[in-house]
Amino acid sequence: MLEKLFRLKGNNTTLRTEVIAGFTTFITMAYIIFVNPNILRMAGMNSAGALGDDALAYNAFNDPVVGAVMVATVLSSALATLIMGLYANYPFALAPGMGLNAFFTFTVVIKMGYSWQSALGAVFVSGIVFIIITITGIREAIVNAIPLSLKNAVSAGIGLFIALIGFSNAGIVVSDPATIIGLGNLTEPHTLLALMGLAITGILMARKVKGAILLGIIITTLLGIPAGIVSIPEGFTPVSLPPSLTPTFMKLDFKELFNLSGGAGILDAVIGFLGVVLAFTYVDLFDTLGTLVGTGAKAGMLDKEGRLPRINKALMADAVGTSAGALLGTSTVTTYIESAAGIMEGGKTGLTSVVVSLLFLASLFLAPVAGLVPAAATAPALIIVGVLMMGAVREIDFSDFSEALPAFMTIVIMPFSYSIANGIAAGLVFYPLVKVISGRAREVHPIIYILAFLFILRFATLAG
């Protein structure tokens, strides 16, 4: 049955490899189970109201609403990832996106003044928009129009981006008001543990040990116990019943999105609504495209023309996940760059995603165990994945400046602006610009010209 569903032999993989890859991906992204509820609770998704207790010291099980958000996070991740595995047969995992949840909380709710129920309504509408443009083939056309050099640049850029996240989580790189970023205190116990984990994982990788990344995470977590970084609470039980989903399930509110009270006109209401929906749509669209193309390129999944087969099915998993997540009670679901960790472990089919999905469901009852894995244990995995993904730069023709500059802008803007979408936008703006100036306008797909114009318009609007 597994061979029929996932074509393991045809993809030159085994059941053991896919399971290890699934465990690896899940462990590197399991933080979202706890981080997402704590970000959304600051949008008022808690019994006490917005900005109640300190988010980092908050236990999601203490509040019915936050607990419901956690359940919604798990269920939407499990559903979308299962669709990715069974429908698209790709080893990508999905969950509520970091950055998108921050936009949901700090921009849409706190800054713009919408309720979290209305914000969920906007997320749901953006998911429907995704489904429509996926069915019509618009999303696939956009992906196929992107030149191969930029697709390789996206892979390398994601490598730098994911490595930066790892360095930051490890405390190796920190913010510095004088130099923007700087070297952290390497003698901090948390950072020392991460450095040890990086060394251990690096040695395992160099010796080509199967499951090296997963083993590195487990060993680092165990080392964190005597170091006092991983603390097992008194009376710790590995299994617990999940909270109720009732406080967030089907709580979408569309009325406020078009609220005309307070003197607001119809045009203002419509523009405000469209602005929120389009913002969710834009970030999710290009974050997802970047992850699929970037990790797909590194895993050798792209064809000779740089296209990802069955990409519409992969995009549909993302679209359905976003709409379902809004109904359950969480922000936009997107494809995770942490999927690269499992892919680097050899995951090649949807079986990897199915394993991740099952682990998400299990986490509803095993959340206390998943919560023991510290950031210091997952940070080395992200850094190692960054190393592996940087290899894509070898496929870029840096002797051709019209290819080199757009690729370079794509690569560096991702980590420098902390956004995959911004990196893709930068590359797609510079690509037609340089090609036209160098007299090679015919090499640019018409869709790229349209995207470049829209990106320039968007950046101009943001600047204004």
Protein backbone atom coordinates (compact mmCIF):
# COMPACT_ATOMS: atom_id res chain seq x y z
CA MET A 1 0.00 0.00 0.00
CA LEU A 2 2.83 2.40 0.87
CA GLU A 3 4.55 1.69 -2.42
CA LYS A 4 1.34 2.36 -4.32
CA LEU A 5 0.64 5.61 -2.48
CA PHE A 6 4.14 7.11 -2.36
CA ARG A 7 6.21 5.21 -4.97
CA LEU A 8 9.11 4.71 -2.55
CA LYS A 9 11.23 2.60 -4.92
CA GLY A 10 10.66 4.95 -7.82
CA ASN A 11 11.86 7.84 -5.66
CA ASN A 12 14.86 5.82 -4.45
CA THR A 13 13.89 5.95 -0.78
CA THR A 14 12.81 3.57 2.00
CA LEU A 15 10.23 3.48 4.78
CA ARG A 16 12.96 3.97 7.40
CA THR A 17 14.39 7.00 5.64
CA GLU A 18 10.97 8.64 5.25
CA VAL A 19 10.09 8.05 8.92
CA ILE A 20 13.40 9.53 10.12
CA ALA A 21 12.88 12.50 7.80
CA GLY A 22 9.38 13.02 9.19
CA PHE A 23 10.60 12.95 12.79
CA THR A 24 13.39 15.39 11.92
CA THR A 25 11.08 17.89 10.25
CA PHE A 26 8.57 17.70 13.09
CA ILE A 27 11.12 18.24 15.83
CA THR A 28 12.62 21.28 14.06
CA MET A 29 9.19 22.93 13.71
CA ALA A 30 7.42 21.68 16.84
CA TYR A 31 8.13 25.04 18.48
CA ILE A 32 5.15 26.46 16.55
CA ILE A 33 2.80 24.49 18.80
CA PHE A 34 3.75 26.79 21.69
CA VAL A 35 4.99 29.93 19.95
CA ASN A 36 1.92 30.50 17.77
CA PRO A 37 -0.62 30.57 20.64
CA ASN A 38 1.61 32.92 22.63
CA ILE A 39 1.80 35.36 19.70
CA LEU A 40 -1.91 35.21 18.91
CA ARG A 41 -2.86 35.64 22.57
CA MET A 42 -1.38 39.13 22.33
CA ALA A 43 -4.06 39.82 19.73
CA GLY A 44 -6.64 39.26 22.45
CA MET A 45 -7.09 35.54 21.89
CA ASN A 46 -7.14 34.86 25.62
CA SER A 47 -9.62 35.24 28.45
CA ALA A 48 -7.83 38.23 30.01
CA GLY A 49 -7.69 40.26 26.79
CA ALA A 50 -4.83 41.58 24.67
CA LEU A 51 -1.32 41.85 26.08
CA GLY A 52 -2.09 40.15 29.37
CA ASP A 53 0.64 38.09 31.00
CA ASP A 54 4.17 37.91 29.66
CA ALA A 55 3.97 35.70 26.55
CA LEU A 56 7.23 33.85 27.11
CA ALA A 57 6.28 32.81 30.65
CA TYR A 58 2.76 31.77 29.72
CA ASN A 59 1.51 28.21 29.76
CA ALA A 60 -1.07 27.72 27.00
CA PHE A 61 -3.01 25.23 29.11
CA ASN A 62 -3.77 27.94 31.70
CA ASP A 63 -6.21 29.76 29.44
CA PRO A 64 -9.17 28.19 27.57
CA VAL A 65 -8.79 30.48 24.53
CA VAL A 66 -5.02 30.14 24.23
CA GLY A 67 -5.40 26.40 24.70
CA ALA A 68 -7.91 26.37 21.85
CA VAL A 69 -5.45 28.27 19.64
CA MET A 70 -2.86 25.61 20.37
CA VAL A 71 -5.30 22.87 19.36
CA ALA A 72 -6.19 24.85 16.21
CA THR A 73 -2.47 25.20 15.45
CA VAL A 74 -1.94 21.46 15.74
CA LEU A 75 -5.04 20.42 13.81
CA SER A 76 -4.52 22.85 10.94
CA SER A 77 -0.87 21.79 10.67
CA ALA A 78 -1.80 18.10 10.71
CA LEU A 79 -4.56 18.56 8.11
CA ALA A 80 -2.55 20.66 5.65
CA THR A 81 0.53 18.45 5.96
CA LEU A 82 -1.56 15.31 5.48
CA ILE A 83 -3.03 16.77 2.27
CA MET A 84 0.49 17.61 1.12
CA GLY A 85 1.58 14.03 1.72
CA LEU A 86 -1.40 12.11 0.34
CA TYR A 87 -2.51 14.47 -2.44
CA ALA A 88 0.75 16.02 -3.66
CA ASN A 89 3.17 13.26 -2.52
CA TYR A 90 5.80 15.78 -1.42
CA PRO A 91 7.83 15.84 1.84
CA PHE A 92 6.79 19.38 2.82
CA ALA A 93 5.22 20.24 6.17
CA LEU A 94 2.84 23.10 6.84
CA ALA A 95 1.80 25.08 9.91
CA PRO A 96 0.70 28.60 10.87
CA GLY A 97 3.49 30.82 9.56
CA MET A 98 5.84 32.84 11.71
CA GLY A 99 5.72 36.42 10.51
CA LEU A 100 2.17 35.90 9.30
CA ASN A 101 1.04 35.39 12.90
CA ALA A 102 2.96 38.53 13.88
CA PHE A 103 1.26 40.46 11.06
CA PHE A 104 -2.07 39.09 12.29
CA THR A 105 -1.40 40.27 15.85
CA PHE A 106 0.61 43.47 15.70
CA THR A 107 -0.59 44.96 12.40
CA VAL A 108 -4.15 43.80 11.73
CA VAL A 109 -5.40 43.62 15.32
CA ILE A 110 -3.29 45.97 17.43
CA LYS A 111 -2.35 48.63 14.85
CA MET A 112 -5.38 48.57 12.53
CA GLY A 113 -7.87 47.90 15.32
CA TYR A 114 -9.65 44.83 13.96
CA SER A 115 -10.81 42.15 16.37
CA TRP A 116 -9.13 38.77 16.21
CA GLN A 117 -12.42 37.34 14.96
CA SER A 118 -12.33 39.75 11.99
CA ALA A 119 -8.68 38.96 11.36
CA LEU A 120 -9.61 35.27 11.15
CA GLY A 121 -12.28 36.26 8.62
CA ALA A 122 -9.63 37.98 6.48
CA VAL A 123 -7.38 34.90 6.70
CA PHE A 124 -10.29 32.70 5.60
CA VAL A 125 -10.99 34.93 2.58
CA SER A 126 -7.29 34.91 1.61
CA GLY A 127 -7.41 31.12 1.72
CA ILE A 128 -10.38 31.10 -0.65
CA VAL A 129 -8.47 33.45 -2.96
CA PHE A 130 -5.57 30.97 -2.89
CA ILE A 131 -7.87 28.10 -3.79
CA ILE A 132 -9.30 30.03 -6.75
CA ILE A 133 -5.94 31.10 -8.19
CA THR A 134 -4.59 27.59 -7.65
CA ILE A 135 -7.51 25.94 -9.47
CA THR A 136 -7.20 28.42 -12.33
CA GLY A 137 -3.47 27.75 -12.62
CA ILE A 138 -2.40 31.32 -11.87
CA ARG A 139 -0.11 30.29 -9.02
CA GLU A 140 1.53 27.57 -11.13
CA ALA A 141 2.04 30.03 -14.00
CA ILE A 142 3.85 32.40 -11.64
CA VAL A 143 6.17 29.65 -10.44
CA ASN A 144 6.96 28.45 -13.95
CA ALA A 145 7.70 31.99 -15.12
CA ILE A 146 10.47 32.47 -12.55
CA PRO A 147 13.90 31.91 -14.22
CA LEU A 148 16.04 28.98 -13.09
CA SER A 149 18.82 31.24 -11.77
CA LEU A 150 16.37 32.89 -9.36
CA LYS A 151 15.00 29.52 -8.28
CA ASN A 152 18.51 28.45 -7.29
CA ALA A 153 19.01 31.82 -5.63
CA VAL A 154 15.83 31.27 -3.62
CA SER A 155 17.25 27.96 -2.38
CA ALA A 156 20.52 29.58 -1.32
CA GLY A 157 18.70 32.55 0.19
CA ILE A 158 16.51 30.28 2.27
CA GLY A 159 19.71 28.54 3.39
CA LEU A 160 21.10 31.82 4.71
CA PHE A 161 17.74 32.76 6.19
CA ILE A 162 17.24 29.48 8.02
CA ALA A 163 20.85 29.59 9.24
CA LEU A 164 20.27 33.10 10.61
CA ILE A 165 17.24 31.82 12.50
CA GLY A 166 19.39 29.04 13.91
CA PHE A 167 22.20 31.39 14.93
CA SER A 168 19.68 33.71 16.56
CA ASN A 169 17.90 30.90 18.42
CA ALA A 170 21.28 29.69 19.64
CA GLY A 171 22.30 33.12 20.89
CA ILE A 172 25.36 33.07 18.63
CA VAL A 173 24.10 36.12 16.76
CA VAL A 174 22.27 38.88 18.63
CA SER A 175 20.94 42.35 17.90
CA ASP A 176 23.34 45.22 18.50
CA PRO A 177 22.26 48.89 18.42
CA ALA A 178 25.74 49.97 17.28
CA THR A 179 26.31 47.43 14.50
CA ILE A 180 22.76 46.11 13.86
CA ILE A 181 23.86 42.55 14.65
CA GLY A 182 26.77 41.21 16.65
CA LEU A 183 28.28 38.12 18.23
CA GLY A 184 26.46 36.89 21.31
CA ASN A 185 27.94 35.79 24.61
CA LEU A 186 29.38 32.38 23.73
CA THR A 187 29.82 31.49 27.39
CA GLU A 188 26.08 31.53 28.07
CA PRO A 189 24.91 27.99 28.96
CA HIS A 190 22.20 28.06 26.28
CA THR A 191 24.68 29.14 23.60
CA LEU A 192 27.32 26.67 24.76
CA LEU A 193 24.80 23.85 24.48
CA ALA A 194 23.89 24.97 20.96
CA LEU A 195 27.56 25.07 19.96
CA MET A 196 28.03 21.56 21.35
CA GLY A 197 24.97 20.45 19.40
CA LEU A 198 26.36 22.04 16.24
CA ALA A 199 29.68 20.22 16.70
CA ILE A 200 27.94 16.90 17.40
CA THR A 201 25.60 17.22 14.42
CA GLY A 202 28.45 18.35 12.18
CA ILE A 203 30.55 15.32 13.13
CA LEU A 204 27.62 12.98 12.51
CA MET A 205 27.00 14.62 9.14
CA ALA A 206 30.68 14.40 8.17
CA ARG A 207 30.70 10.71 9.05
CA LYS A 208 27.49 10.27 7.01
CA VAL A 209 25.52 8.82 9.91
CA LYS A 210 21.92 8.16 8.89
CA GLY A 211 19.53 10.43 10.76
CA ALA A 212 22.38 12.73 11.81
CA ILE A 213 20.22 15.82 12.24
CA LEU A 214 17.59 14.01 14.29
CA LEU A 215 20.26 12.32 16.44
CA GLY A 216 21.91 15.69 16.96
CA ILE A 217 18.65 17.17 18.28
CA ILE A 218 18.05 14.23 20.64
CA ILE A 219 21.63 14.16 21.98
CA THR A 220 21.69 17.92 22.50
CA THR A 221 18.37 17.78 24.38
CA LEU A 222 19.70 15.02 26.66
CA LEU A 223 22.89 17.03 27.32
CA GLY A 224 20.68 19.95 28.29
CA ILE A 225 19.24 18.05 31.28
CA PRO A 226 22.43 17.92 33.44
CA ALA A 227 23.28 21.42 32.21
CA GLY A 228 20.05 22.70 33.73
CA ILE A 229 18.76 24.05 30.41
CA VAL A 230 16.19 21.29 29.99
CA SER A 231 14.19 21.08 33.18
CA ILE A 232 11.72 18.32 33.88
CA PRO A 233 8.98 19.72 36.14
CA GLU A 234 8.04 17.96 39.35
CA GLY A 235 5.17 15.59 38.75
CA PHE A 236 5.88 15.61 35.01
CA THR A 237 3.56 13.41 32.97
CA PRO A 238 4.30 12.85 29.29
CA VAL A 239 0.62 12.47 28.37
CA SER A 240 -2.24 14.94 28.87
CA LEU A 241 -5.66 15.59 27.39
CA PRO A 242 -5.85 18.50 24.91
CA PRO A 243 -7.86 21.65 25.71
CA SER A 244 -11.24 22.32 24.07
CA LEU A 245 -11.38 23.93 20.62
CA THR A 246 -14.73 25.62 21.35
CA PRO A 247 -13.42 29.15 22.21
CA THR A 248 -12.00 29.67 18.69
CA PHE A 249 -13.85 27.22 16.45
CA MET A 250 -15.93 29.04 13.76
CA LYS A 251 -15.50 32.41 15.50
CA LEU A 252 -14.88 34.31 12.25
CA ASP A 253 -16.49 37.74 12.02
CA PHE A 254 -17.06 39.31 8.60
CA LYS A 255 -19.32 42.15 9.75
CA GLU A 256 -16.58 44.24 11.32
CA LEU A 257 -14.50 44.05 8.15
CA PHE A 258 -17.19 46.15 6.46
CA ASN A 259 -18.25 48.12 9.53
CA LEU A 260 -19.48 51.53 8.35
CA SER A 261 -20.03 53.02 11.81
CA GLY A 262 -18.01 55.97 13.00
CA GLY A 263 -18.37 57.84 9.71
CA ALA A 264 -16.41 55.37 7.62
CA GLY A 265 -17.52 55.23 4.00
CA ILE A 266 -18.06 52.17 1.87
CA LEU A 267 -14.90 52.84 -0.13
CA ASP A 268 -12.78 53.14 3.02
CA ALA A 269 -14.23 49.92 4.38
CA VAL A 270 -13.61 48.03 1.14
CA ILE A 271 -10.06 49.37 0.77
CA GLY A 272 -9.27 48.46 4.37
CA PHE A 273 -10.66 44.96 3.94
CA LEU A 274 -8.85 44.37 0.65
CA GLY A 275 -5.62 45.70 2.12
CA VAL A 276 -5.71 43.16 4.93
CA VAL A 277 -6.66 40.25 2.66
CA LEU A 278 -4.07 41.14 0.01
CA ALA A 279 -1.35 41.49 2.64
CA PHE A 280 -2.06 37.99 3.94
CA THR A 281 -2.27 36.73 0.35
CA TYR A 282 1.00 38.33 -0.79
CA VAL A 283 3.18 37.10 2.06
CA ASP A 284 1.78 33.57 2.05
CA LEU A 285 1.95 33.27 -1.75
CA PHE A 286 5.62 34.12 -2.07
CA ASP A 287 6.74 32.51 1.18
CA THR A 288 5.17 29.26 -0.04
CA LEU A 289 6.53 29.56 -3.56
CA GLY A 290 9.98 30.31 -2.18
CA THR A 291 9.94 27.31 0.14
CA LEU A 292 8.62 24.89 -2.48
CA VAL A 293 11.02 26.01 -5.19
CA GLY A 294 14.02 26.49 -2.91
CA THR A 295 13.83 23.19 -1.05
CA GLY A 296 12.65 21.42 -4.20
CA ALA A 297 15.73 22.63 -6.07
CA LYS A 298 18.06 21.42 -3.33
CA ALA A 299 16.34 18.02 -3.21
CA GLY A 300 16.57 17.60 -6.99
CA MET A 301 12.80 17.66 -7.42
CA LEU A 302 12.76 20.27 -10.20
CA ASP A 303 12.69 19.16 -13.83
CA LYS A 304 15.13 20.32 -16.54
CA GLU A 305 13.18 23.55 -16.99
CA GLY A 306 13.29 24.29 -13.27
CA ARG A 307 9.66 23.39 -12.65
CA LEU A 308 8.27 21.47 -9.70
CA PRO A 309 5.95 18.70 -10.95
CA ARG A 310 2.52 18.55 -9.29
CA ILE A 311 3.07 22.00 -7.81
CA ASN A 312 -0.63 22.84 -8.07
CA LYS A 313 -1.38 19.96 -5.71
CA ALA A 314 1.23 21.26 -3.26
CA LEU A 315 -0.21 24.76 -3.49
CA MET A 316 -3.71 23.41 -2.91
CA ALA A 317 -2.59 21.87 0.38
CA ASP A 318 -1.41 25.31 1.46
CA ALA A 319 -4.66 27.00 0.34
CA VAL A 320 -6.96 24.49 2.04
CA GLY A 321 -4.81 24.61 5.18
CA THR A 322 -5.18 28.39 5.39
CA SER A 323 -8.96 28.32 5.09
CA ALA A 324 -9.33 25.39 7.48
CA GLY A 325 -6.95 27.02 9.95
CA ALA A 326 -9.09 30.18 10.02
CA LEU A 327 -12.19 28.10 10.73
CA LEU A 328 -10.39 26.29 13.55
CA GLY A 329 -8.98 29.51 15.01
CA THR A 330 -5.45 30.29 13.86
CA SER A 331 -3.58 32.56 11.47
CA THR A 332 -2.39 31.75 7.93
CA VAL A 333 -1.01 28.25 7.33
CA THR A 334 2.00 28.09 5.06
CA THR A 335 4.74 25.69 3.92
CA TYR A 336 7.63 25.61 6.39
CA ILE A 337 11.27 26.08 5.47
CA GLU A 338 12.04 23.63 8.30
CA SER A 339 10.84 20.97 5.85
CA ALA A 340 14.36 21.22 4.47
CA ALA A 341 15.65 19.47 7.61
CA GLY A 342 13.71 16.32 6.76
CA ILE A 343 14.53 16.59 3.08
CA MET A 344 18.23 16.76 3.92
CA GLU A 345 17.74 13.55 5.90
CA GLY A 346 16.56 11.86 2.69
CA GLY A 347 12.81 12.53 2.71
CA LYS A 348 11.58 12.44 -0.87
CA THR A 349 7.90 11.50 -0.78
CA GLY A 350 4.63 12.37 0.89
CA LEU A 351 5.25 9.65 3.46
CA THR A 352 7.55 12.10 5.23
CA SER A 353 4.65 14.56 5.43
CA VAL A 354 2.25 11.88 6.66
CA VAL A 355 4.68 11.08 9.49
CA VAL A 356 4.86 14.77 10.39
CA SER A 357 1.05 14.98 10.35
CA LEU A 358 0.70 12.00 12.66
CA LEU A 359 3.28 13.46 15.04
CA PHE A 360 1.34 16.72 15.14
CA LEU A 361 -1.78 14.78 16.13
CA ALA A 362 0.18 12.86 18.74
CA SER A 363 1.46 16.16 20.14
CA LEU A 364 -2.09 16.96 21.24
CA PHE A 365 -1.55 14.35 23.93
CA LEU A 366 2.26 14.45 24.16
CA ALA A 367 2.68 18.23 24.27
CA PRO A 368 4.65 18.08 27.56
CA VAL A 369 7.32 15.91 25.89
CA ALA A 370 7.59 18.10 22.81
CA GLY A 371 7.92 21.10 25.10
CA LEU A 372 11.12 19.69 26.61
CA VAL A 373 13.15 20.17 23.40
CA PRO A 374 14.94 23.53 23.80
CA ALA A 375 15.79 26.02 21.07
CA ALA A 376 19.44 25.21 21.70
CA ALA A 377 18.79 21.69 20.40
CA THR A 378 16.93 22.67 17.21
CA ALA A 379 19.16 25.66 16.34
CA PRO A 380 22.11 23.48 15.21
CA ALA A 381 19.78 21.58 12.88
CA LEU A 382 18.72 24.81 11.20
CA ILE A 383 22.34 25.91 10.79
CA ILE A 384 23.31 22.57 9.24
CA VAL A 385 20.37 22.78 6.83
CA GLY A 386 21.55 26.28 5.89
CA VAL A 387 24.98 24.87 5.03
CA LEU A 388 23.44 22.21 2.79
CA MET A 389 21.09 24.59 0.97
CA MET A 390 23.83 27.10 0.17
CA GLY A 391 25.17 24.62 -2.38
CA ALA A 392 22.57 25.90 -4.85
CA VAL A 393 24.75 28.95 -5.60
CA ARG A 394 26.98 26.68 -7.70
CA GLU A 395 24.17 26.45 -10.26
CA ILE A 396 24.04 30.23 -10.77
CA ASP A 397 26.08 31.70 -13.63
CA PHE A 398 27.87 34.55 -11.84
CA SER A 399 29.88 35.28 -15.00
CA ASP A 400 26.66 36.71 -16.49
CA PHE A 401 25.96 39.86 -14.48
CA SER A 402 22.36 40.02 -15.70
CA GLU A 403 21.85 36.70 -13.90
CA ALA A 404 24.24 37.36 -11.01
CA LEU A 405 22.81 40.65 -9.67
CA PRO A 406 19.15 39.52 -9.41
CA ALA A 407 20.28 36.23 -7.86
CA PHE A 408 22.50 38.05 -5.37
CA MET A 409 19.68 40.41 -4.38
CA THR A 410 17.37 37.44 -3.86
CA ILE A 411 19.90 35.67 -1.67
CA VAL A 412 20.88 38.55 0.61
CA ILE A 413 17.52 40.31 1.01
CA MET A 414 15.93 37.20 2.52
CA PRO A 415 18.06 37.14 5.69
CA PHE A 416 18.68 40.91 5.76
CA SER A 417 14.94 41.74 5.69
CA TYR A 418 13.94 38.53 7.52
CA SER A 419 11.50 37.65 4.77
CA ILE A 420 11.49 35.05 1.99
CA ALA A 421 8.83 37.08 0.18
CA ASN A 422 10.96 40.24 0.18
CA GLY A 423 13.93 38.33 -1.24
CA ILE A 424 11.87 36.94 -4.10
CA ALA A 425 10.43 40.40 -4.75
CA ALA A 426 13.90 41.96 -4.93
CA GLY A 427 15.08 39.34 -7.42
CA LEU A 428 12.00 39.69 -9.59
CA VAL A 429 12.40 43.48 -9.72
CA PHE A 430 16.09 43.45 -10.61
CA TYR A 431 15.85 40.58 -13.13
CA PRO A 432 13.78 42.38 -15.79
CA LEU A 433 15.49 45.69 -15.00
CA VAL A 434 18.98 44.37 -15.74
CA LYS A 435 17.82 42.30 -18.72
CA VAL A 436 16.11 45.29 -20.36
CA ILE A 437 19.09 47.59 -19.79
CA SER A 438 21.44 44.98 -21.25
CA GLY A 439 19.26 44.60 -24.35
CA ARG A 440 17.99 41.13 -23.49
CA ALA A 441 14.36 41.93 -22.74
CA ARG A 442 13.10 38.94 -24.76
CA GLU A 443 14.60 36.56 -22.18
CA VAL A 444 12.08 37.78 -19.60
CA HIS A 445 8.68 36.09 -19.31
CA PRO A 446 5.77 38.58 -19.55
CA ILE A 447 4.53 37.50 -16.12
CA ILE A 448 7.83 38.64 -14.58
CA TYR A 449 7.24 42.17 -15.93
CA ILE A 450 3.80 42.21 -14.31
CA LEU A 451 5.16 40.95 -10.99
CA ALA A 452 8.01 43.45 -11.04
CA PHE A 453 5.55 46.31 -11.57
CA LEU A 454 3.34 45.08 -8.71
CA PHE A 455 6.31 44.71 -6.38
CA ILE A 456 7.57 48.22 -7.17
CA LEU A 457 4.05 49.56 -6.54
CA ARG A 458 3.86 47.68 -3.25
CA PHE A 459 7.23 48.92 -2.01
CA ALA A 460 6.33 52.47 -3.04
CA THR A 461 3.06 52.16 -1.09
CA LEU A 462 4.87 50.86 1.98
CA ALA A 463 7.39 53.70 1.75
CA GLY A 464 4.56 56.20 1.56
